């Protein structure tokens, strides 16, 4: 079992590093400057985290937070920023040049395969790999950037699934977290692809920066596990009042509400409303997702009110319970003795008389 944990920990972090290097390679291809390879040094943080996790945690995860996911975000997000900011220099509408380039690449690939009989197998594989990489470089930037966004979100979900879990989360909670991540990733991908493709948005650099900042801010929810972890509240918390019991009893729900309102749906709603009202960008999908974000925010606030009312009602029932029992002690209802009276009297060895009959004491150890 320990060997499998080590293997999952290493394999997942290796996938993170490889995907990050693909993003850095794409940036150097677009910018035509080798100095952007320095972005690959950000993976050193992930290597350091891997060494520390294997040494001190035996490959297992941490409680409430995943450093591997966070460092993967640090290594890949700058590359995606640079690709999005460079988006206007290359378009997929230039089909003639791309077709000619693909044709020449295919001819070179066929020539390489034809001459493979005269070269060694190692040289053949190297030449084939070079041609394959050159063919990949001919794909337009828009397709590359969208593909990196898609694989990035898939890597977050698959990587979180493969990473060994720590002591703070169960497998049932992990499955809930992954299901949340799937819906979150779909909304985030729609947000970036929908807004950044608009020409009015591209003509405003400040708006592009604002969208990328909101997108980066929404990514911070992926390293967190707080939305599914339930905390067992001690009995003494109820004596501290409403705030302590509320935040302790519904901590996971409150984190879920806070993430939705302040990290994802709330900021997404604000950006989409600004696009529709100020920049006059209105289309069917934009209106639909704006309405979806509005409904999610309203429903989350409604749930917050429901949870608060439930805690207040619980505190009220606890405070009124002892008083009610003290006030009714020694009193007999008009309909006769209650079930609790029967239980109390049976424990004391007394019989509860019927209405109108004299009260007699019966010894539980004496038979008449």
Protein backbone atom coordinates (compact mmCIF):
# COMPACT_ATOMS: atom_id res chain seq x y z
CA UNK A 1 0.00 0.00 0.00
CA UNK A 2 2.82 2.42 0.83
CA UNK A 3 4.43 1.70 -2.53
CA UNK A 4 1.20 2.55 -4.34
CA UNK A 5 0.93 5.81 -2.39
CA UNK A 6 4.47 6.76 -3.40
CA UNK A 7 3.75 5.89 -7.03
CA UNK A 8 0.55 7.97 -7.16
CA UNK A 9 2.26 10.93 -5.51
CA UNK A 10 5.19 10.88 -7.95
CA UNK A 11 3.15 10.16 -11.09
CA UNK A 12 0.65 12.94 -10.41
CA UNK A 13 3.32 15.55 -9.80
CA UNK A 14 5.19 14.39 -12.90
CA UNK A 15 2.05 14.98 -14.97
CA UNK A 16 1.80 18.47 -13.49
CA UNK A 17 5.40 19.24 -14.45
CA UNK A 18 5.03 17.90 -18.00
CA UNK A 19 1.88 19.92 -18.64
CA UNK A 20 3.54 23.03 -17.25
CA UNK A 21 6.52 22.51 -19.57
CA UNK A 22 4.17 22.21 -22.55
CA UNK A 23 2.72 25.60 -21.64
CA UNK A 24 6.21 27.13 -21.34
CA UNK A 25 7.23 25.62 -24.68
CA UNK A 26 4.16 27.14 -26.33
CA UNK A 27 4.97 30.56 -24.91
CA UNK A 28 8.53 30.42 -26.31
CA UNK A 29 7.14 29.40 -29.71
CA UNK A 30 4.72 32.32 -29.75
CA UNK A 31 7.04 34.97 -28.33
CA UNK A 32 10.09 33.75 -30.30
CA UNK A 33 12.29 34.44 -27.29
CA UNK A 34 14.20 31.69 -25.45
CA UNK A 35 14.24 33.68 -22.23
CA UNK A 36 10.68 32.54 -21.52
CA UNK A 37 12.07 29.12 -20.73
CA UNK A 38 12.90 30.65 -17.35
CA UNK A 39 9.23 30.07 -16.49
CA UNK A 40 10.13 26.39 -16.18
CA UNK A 41 12.05 27.25 -13.01
CA UNK A 42 8.71 27.62 -11.24
CA UNK A 43 8.54 23.82 -11.24
CA UNK A 44 11.39 23.78 -8.74
CA UNK A 45 8.83 24.67 -6.07
CA UNK A 46 6.85 21.58 -7.01
CA UNK A 47 9.99 19.43 -6.84
CA UNK A 48 10.72 20.80 -3.36
CA UNK A 49 7.16 20.11 -2.23
CA UNK A 50 7.41 16.57 -3.60
CA UNK A 51 10.60 15.87 -1.65
CA UNK A 52 9.15 17.24 1.59
CA UNK A 53 5.87 15.36 1.17
CA UNK A 54 7.60 12.06 0.50
CA UNK A 55 9.91 12.53 3.46
CA UNK A 56 7.56 13.82 6.15
CA UNK A 57 4.09 12.69 4.98
CA UNK A 58 5.06 9.44 3.20
CA UNK A 59 3.44 10.75 0.04
CA UNK A 60 0.04 11.44 1.63
CA UNK A 61 -1.82 14.72 1.39
CA UNK A 62 -2.33 17.46 3.92
CA UNK A 63 -5.44 18.45 5.83
CA UNK A 64 -7.70 21.11 4.31
CA UNK A 65 -5.15 22.15 1.65
CA UNK A 66 -3.26 20.61 -1.28
CA UNK A 67 0.18 22.23 -1.81
CA UNK A 68 0.77 20.22 -5.00
CA UNK A 69 -2.33 21.68 -6.67
CA UNK A 70 -1.41 25.19 -5.52
CA UNK A 71 2.15 24.96 -6.85
CA UNK A 72 0.86 23.51 -10.12
CA UNK A 73 -1.31 26.62 -10.45
CA UNK A 74 1.75 28.80 -9.87
CA UNK A 75 3.69 26.98 -12.60
CA UNK A 76 1.01 26.97 -15.34
CA UNK A 77 -1.03 30.15 -14.83
CA UNK A 78 1.74 32.60 -15.99
CA UNK A 79 2.04 30.72 -19.29
CA UNK A 80 -1.70 30.93 -19.89
CA UNK A 81 -1.63 34.65 -19.08
CA UNK A 82 1.07 35.26 -21.68
CA UNK A 83 -0.77 33.24 -24.30
CA UNK A 84 -4.03 35.10 -23.70
CA UNK A 85 -2.31 38.49 -23.84
CA UNK A 86 -0.62 37.47 -27.11
CA UNK A 87 -3.90 36.29 -28.60
CA UNK A 88 -4.31 39.08 -31.16
CA UNK A 89 -1.11 38.39 -33.14
CA UNK A 90 -2.28 35.15 -34.78
CA UNK A 91 -5.67 34.06 -36.06
CA UNK A 92 -7.01 30.79 -37.32
CA UNK A 93 -8.72 32.45 -40.27
CA UNK A 94 -5.48 32.40 -42.28
CA UNK A 95 -6.08 29.04 -43.89
CA UNK A 96 -3.89 29.34 -46.98
CA UNK A 97 -0.65 29.76 -45.09
CA UNK A 98 -1.54 27.04 -42.65
CA UNK A 99 -2.46 24.66 -45.45
CA UNK A 100 0.81 25.25 -47.29
CA UNK A 101 2.76 24.77 -44.11
CA UNK A 102 0.93 21.53 -43.33
CA UNK A 103 1.57 20.27 -46.85
CA UNK A 104 5.28 20.96 -46.59
CA UNK A 105 5.35 19.30 -43.20
CA UNK A 106 3.63 16.22 -44.57
CA UNK A 107 6.12 16.03 -47.47
CA UNK A 108 9.01 16.27 -45.01
CA UNK A 109 7.41 13.60 -42.89
CA UNK A 110 7.05 11.27 -45.90
CA UNK A 111 10.65 11.90 -46.90
CA UNK A 112 11.76 11.05 -43.42
CA UNK A 113 9.84 7.79 -43.47
CA UNK A 114 11.25 6.93 -46.91
CA UNK A 115 14.81 7.46 -45.78
CA UNK A 116 14.32 5.55 -42.56
CA UNK A 117 15.57 2.35 -44.19
CA UNK A 118 19.01 3.92 -44.69
CA UNK A 119 19.38 5.25 -41.16
CA UNK A 120 19.46 3.66 -37.79
CA UNK A 121 16.32 3.17 -35.75
CA UNK A 122 17.39 5.78 -33.18
CA UNK A 123 17.91 8.45 -35.85
CA UNK A 124 14.58 7.52 -37.39
CA UNK A 125 12.76 8.07 -34.11
CA UNK A 126 14.51 11.39 -33.56
CA UNK A 127 13.61 12.66 -37.03
CA UNK A 128 10.02 11.51 -36.66
CA UNK A 129 9.74 13.29 -33.31
CA UNK A 130 11.11 16.49 -34.85
CA UNK A 131 8.59 16.39 -37.68
CA UNK A 132 5.78 15.70 -35.18
CA UNK A 133 6.81 18.68 -33.05
CA UNK A 134 7.03 20.90 -36.13
CA UNK A 135 3.53 19.86 -37.16
CA UNK A 136 2.26 20.74 -33.71
CA UNK A 137 3.82 24.18 -33.96
CA UNK A 138 1.77 24.93 -37.09
CA UNK A 139 -1.50 24.76 -35.14
CA UNK A 140 -2.83 28.26 -34.66
CA UNK A 141 -2.56 29.99 -31.31
CA UNK A 142 -6.27 30.11 -30.60
CA UNK A 143 -6.58 26.33 -30.78
CA UNK A 144 -3.44 25.85 -28.68
CA UNK A 145 -4.63 28.24 -25.97
CA UNK A 146 -8.08 26.67 -25.77
CA UNK A 147 -6.53 23.22 -25.64
CA UNK A 148 -4.24 24.24 -22.79
CA UNK A 149 -7.21 25.68 -20.88
CA UNK A 150 -9.16 22.45 -21.33
CA UNK A 151 -6.31 20.12 -20.40
CA UNK A 152 -5.42 22.39 -17.48
CA UNK A 153 -8.86 21.97 -15.91
CA UNK A 154 -8.85 18.24 -16.62
CA UNK A 155 -5.44 17.92 -14.97
CA UNK A 156 -6.76 19.65 -11.86
CA UNK A 157 -9.62 17.15 -11.53
CA UNK A 158 -7.66 14.03 -12.45
CA UNK A 159 -4.65 15.11 -10.40
CA UNK A 160 -6.79 15.74 -7.31
CA UNK A 161 -8.29 12.28 -7.79
CA UNK A 162 -4.92 10.54 -8.12
CA UNK A 163 -3.18 12.36 -5.29
CA UNK A 164 -3.14 10.30 -2.08
CA UNK A 165 -5.63 11.62 0.43
CA UNK A 166 -4.57 12.73 3.89
CA UNK A 167 -6.14 12.26 7.27
CA UNK A 168 -8.50 15.21 7.01
CA UNK A 169 -10.71 13.91 4.18
CA UNK A 170 -12.46 10.61 3.49
CA UNK A 171 -13.04 8.95 0.13
CA UNK A 172 -16.71 9.86 0.27
CA UNK A 173 -15.82 13.50 0.79
CA UNK A 174 -13.24 13.28 -2.01
CA UNK A 175 -15.91 12.03 -4.41
CA UNK A 176 -18.12 14.97 -3.47
CA UNK A 177 -15.21 17.34 -4.00
CA UNK A 178 -14.45 15.92 -7.45
CA UNK A 179 -18.08 16.27 -8.51
CA UNK A 180 -17.98 19.90 -7.40
CA UNK A 181 -14.77 20.42 -9.38
CA UNK A 182 -16.36 19.08 -12.58
CA UNK A 183 -19.17 21.63 -12.46
CA UNK A 184 -16.79 24.38 -11.43
CA UNK A 185 -14.35 23.63 -14.25
CA UNK A 186 -17.13 23.70 -16.87
CA UNK A 187 -18.30 27.12 -15.67
CA UNK A 188 -14.74 28.51 -15.58
CA UNK A 189 -13.99 27.27 -19.12
CA UNK A 190 -17.19 28.81 -20.40
CA UNK A 191 -16.35 32.08 -18.67
CA UNK A 192 -12.92 32.46 -20.31
CA UNK A 193 -13.87 31.19 -23.77
CA UNK A 194 -17.06 33.26 -23.86
CA UNK A 195 -15.66 36.59 -22.71
CA UNK A 196 -12.17 36.68 -24.23
CA UNK A 197 -13.42 35.79 -27.71
CA UNK A 198 -15.42 39.00 -27.99
CA UNK A 199 -13.77 41.65 -30.15
CA UNK A 200 -14.98 44.47 -27.88
CA UNK A 201 -13.24 42.77 -24.98
CA UNK A 202 -9.99 42.35 -26.94
CA UNK A 203 -10.01 46.04 -27.81
CA UNK A 204 -9.89 46.92 -24.10
CA UNK A 205 -6.63 45.72 -22.48
CA UNK A 206 -7.87 46.76 -19.03
CA UNK A 207 -10.91 44.52 -19.40
CA UNK A 208 -8.72 41.61 -20.55
CA UNK A 209 -6.55 42.02 -17.46
CA UNK A 210 -9.63 42.19 -15.23
CA UNK A 211 -11.04 38.97 -16.73
CA UNK A 212 -7.73 37.16 -16.28
CA UNK A 213 -7.52 38.37 -12.68
CA UNK A 214 -11.03 37.03 -11.96
CA UNK A 215 -10.14 33.77 -13.70
CA UNK A 216 -6.98 33.41 -11.59
CA UNK A 217 -8.92 34.24 -8.44
CA UNK A 218 -11.46 31.49 -9.23
CA UNK A 219 -8.63 28.95 -9.49
CA UNK A 220 -7.79 29.34 -5.81
CA UNK A 221 -10.71 27.11 -4.81
CA UNK A 222 -9.12 23.98 -6.28
CA UNK A 223 -6.40 23.51 -3.60
CA UNK A 224 -8.99 23.79 -0.81
CA UNK A 225 -10.86 20.86 0.75
CA UNK A 226 -12.85 22.89 3.26
CA UNK A 227 -16.15 22.75 1.39
CA UNK A 228 -16.67 19.03 2.14
CA UNK A 229 -15.05 18.56 5.56
CA UNK A 230 -17.43 18.36 8.49
CA UNK A 231 -16.25 19.41 11.94
CA UNK A 232 -17.63 17.64 15.03
CA UNK A 233 -18.75 20.33 17.46
CA UNK A 234 -18.30 19.75 21.21
CA UNK A 235 -21.24 20.19 23.55
CA UNK A 236 -19.71 23.30 25.11
CA UNK A 237 -20.00 25.21 21.81
CA UNK A 238 -23.77 25.61 22.26
CA UNK A 239 -23.17 27.50 25.51
CA UNK A 240 -21.11 30.18 23.72
CA UNK A 241 -24.06 31.49 21.77
CA UNK A 242 -25.31 31.70 18.22
CA UNK A 243 -22.10 32.64 16.29
CA UNK A 244 -19.96 29.85 17.74
CA UNK A 245 -22.57 27.15 17.17
CA UNK A 246 -23.43 28.45 13.69
CA UNK A 247 -19.85 28.54 12.40
CA UNK A 248 -18.99 25.20 14.00
CA UNK A 249 -22.05 23.21 13.00
CA UNK A 250 -22.23 24.40 9.39
CA UNK A 251 -18.58 25.15 8.61
CA UNK A 252 -18.52 23.08 5.40
CA UNK A 253 -21.74 24.67 4.12
CA UNK A 254 -20.43 28.14 4.93
CA UNK A 255 -17.22 27.49 3.01
CA UNK A 256 -19.24 26.26 0.06
CA UNK A 257 -21.43 29.35 0.15
CA UNK A 258 -18.42 31.66 0.51
CA UNK A 259 -16.58 30.05 -2.41
CA UNK A 260 -19.62 30.35 -4.64
CA UNK A 261 -20.47 33.95 -3.73
CA UNK A 262 -17.00 35.48 -3.41
CA UNK A 263 -14.75 33.34 -5.62
CA UNK A 264 -16.80 32.06 -8.55
CA UNK A 265 -20.44 32.92 -9.23
CA UNK A 266 -20.37 36.37 -7.63
CA UNK A 267 -17.32 37.69 -9.56
CA UNK A 268 -18.47 35.99 -12.78
CA UNK A 269 -21.87 37.67 -12.45
CA UNK A 270 -20.27 41.10 -11.98
CA UNK A 271 -18.06 40.69 -15.07
CA UNK A 272 -20.94 39.50 -17.23
CA UNK A 273 -23.18 42.36 -16.10
CA UNK A 274 -20.41 44.86 -16.93
CA UNK A 275 -20.03 43.33 -20.38
CA UNK A 276 -23.77 43.55 -21.07
CA UNK A 277 -24.41 47.02 -19.63
CA UNK A 278 -21.22 49.03 -20.26
CA UNK A 279 -19.61 47.32 -23.25
CA UNK A 280 -22.94 46.36 -24.89
CA UNK A 281 -21.81 42.77 -25.42
CA UNK A 282 -25.06 40.79 -25.50
CA UNK A 283 -25.52 37.29 -26.82
CA UNK A 284 -27.65 34.31 -25.92
CA UNK A 285 -25.01 32.37 -23.98
CA UNK A 286 -23.84 35.43 -22.05
CA UNK A 287 -27.38 36.20 -20.88
CA UNK A 288 -27.99 32.56 -19.94
CA UNK A 289 -24.85 32.21 -17.83
CA UNK A 290 -25.42 35.59 -16.21
CA UNK A 291 -28.90 34.42 -15.18
CA UNK A 292 -27.38 31.15 -13.96
CA UNK A 293 -24.81 33.00 -11.80
CA UNK A 294 -27.55 35.25 -10.40
CA UNK A 295 -29.72 32.27 -9.43
CA UNK A 296 -26.79 30.48 -7.79
CA UNK A 297 -25.89 33.55 -5.72
CA UNK A 298 -29.52 34.08 -4.64
CA UNK A 299 -29.97 30.40 -3.74
CA UNK A 300 -26.73 30.37 -1.75
CA UNK A 301 -27.85 33.42 0.23
CA UNK A 302 -31.23 31.78 0.78
CA UNK A 303 -29.49 28.68 2.10
CA UNK A 304 -27.42 30.87 4.43
CA UNK A 305 -30.62 32.32 5.90
CA UNK A 306 -32.16 28.85 6.28
CA UNK A 307 -29.12 27.56 8.16
CA UNK A 308 -29.11 30.60 10.45
CA UNK A 309 -32.79 30.13 11.27
CA UNK A 310 -32.22 26.44 11.98
CA UNK A 311 -29.44 27.19 14.48
CA UNK A 312 -31.51 29.90 16.17
CA UNK A 313 -34.47 27.53 16.51
CA UNK A 314 -32.19 24.87 17.96
CA UNK A 315 -30.84 27.27 20.57
CA UNK A 316 -34.34 28.43 21.45
CA UNK A 317 -35.59 24.88 21.97
CA UNK A 318 -32.59 24.07 24.17
CA UNK A 319 -33.16 27.14 26.34
CA UNK A 320 -36.92 26.57 26.68
CA UNK A 321 -36.66 22.81 27.34
CA UNK A 322 -35.44 22.88 30.98
CA UNK A 323 -37.77 25.75 31.86
CA UNK A 324 -40.77 23.90 30.51
CA UNK A 325 -39.92 20.78 32.45
CA UNK A 326 -39.44 22.75 35.68
CA UNK A 327 -42.71 24.63 35.33
CA UNK A 328 -44.81 21.48 34.75
CA UNK A 329 -43.27 19.39 37.50
CA UNK A 330 -45.85 18.40 40.15
CA UNK A 331 -48.81 19.43 37.97
CA UNK A 332 -51.36 17.05 36.51
CA UNK A 333 -53.04 17.74 33.24
CA UNK A 334 -56.80 17.64 32.94
CA UNK A 335 -56.65 14.64 30.68
CA UNK A 336 -54.88 12.56 33.31
CA UNK A 337 -51.31 11.55 33.97
CA UNK A 338 -48.87 11.74 31.08
CA UNK A 339 -46.50 9.05 29.85
CA UNK A 340 -43.56 10.76 31.57
CA UNK A 341 -45.51 10.67 34.87
CA UNK A 342 -46.07 6.98 34.50
CA UNK A 343 -42.38 6.41 33.85
CA UNK A 344 -41.27 8.54 36.81
CA UNK A 345 -43.75 6.98 39.21
CA UNK A 346 -42.90 3.47 38.09
CA UNK A 347 -39.25 4.13 38.85
CA UNK A 348 -40.19 5.32 42.38
CA UNK A 349 -42.43 2.29 43.00
CA UNK A 350 -45.67 4.32 43.14
CA UNK A 351 -48.86 3.65 41.26
CA UNK A 352 -50.68 6.47 39.56
CA UNK A 353 -54.33 6.33 40.67
CA UNK A 354 -57.22 6.68 38.34
CA UNK A 355 -59.29 9.87 38.41
CA UNK A 356 -61.46 9.98 41.52
CA UNK A 357 -59.81 7.04 43.33
CA UNK A 358 -57.93 7.50 46.63
CA UNK A 359 -54.16 7.66 46.53
CA UNK A 360 -52.57 4.52 47.89
CA UNK A 361 -48.97 3.60 48.23
CA UNK A 362 -47.83 0.24 46.98
CA UNK A 363 -44.59 -1.35 48.09
CA UNK A 364 -42.81 -2.85 45.16
CA UNK A 365 -41.33 -5.60 47.41
CA UNK A 366 -44.59 -6.54 49.20
CA UNK A 367 -47.46 -8.42 47.70
CA UNK A 368 -50.89 -7.82 49.27
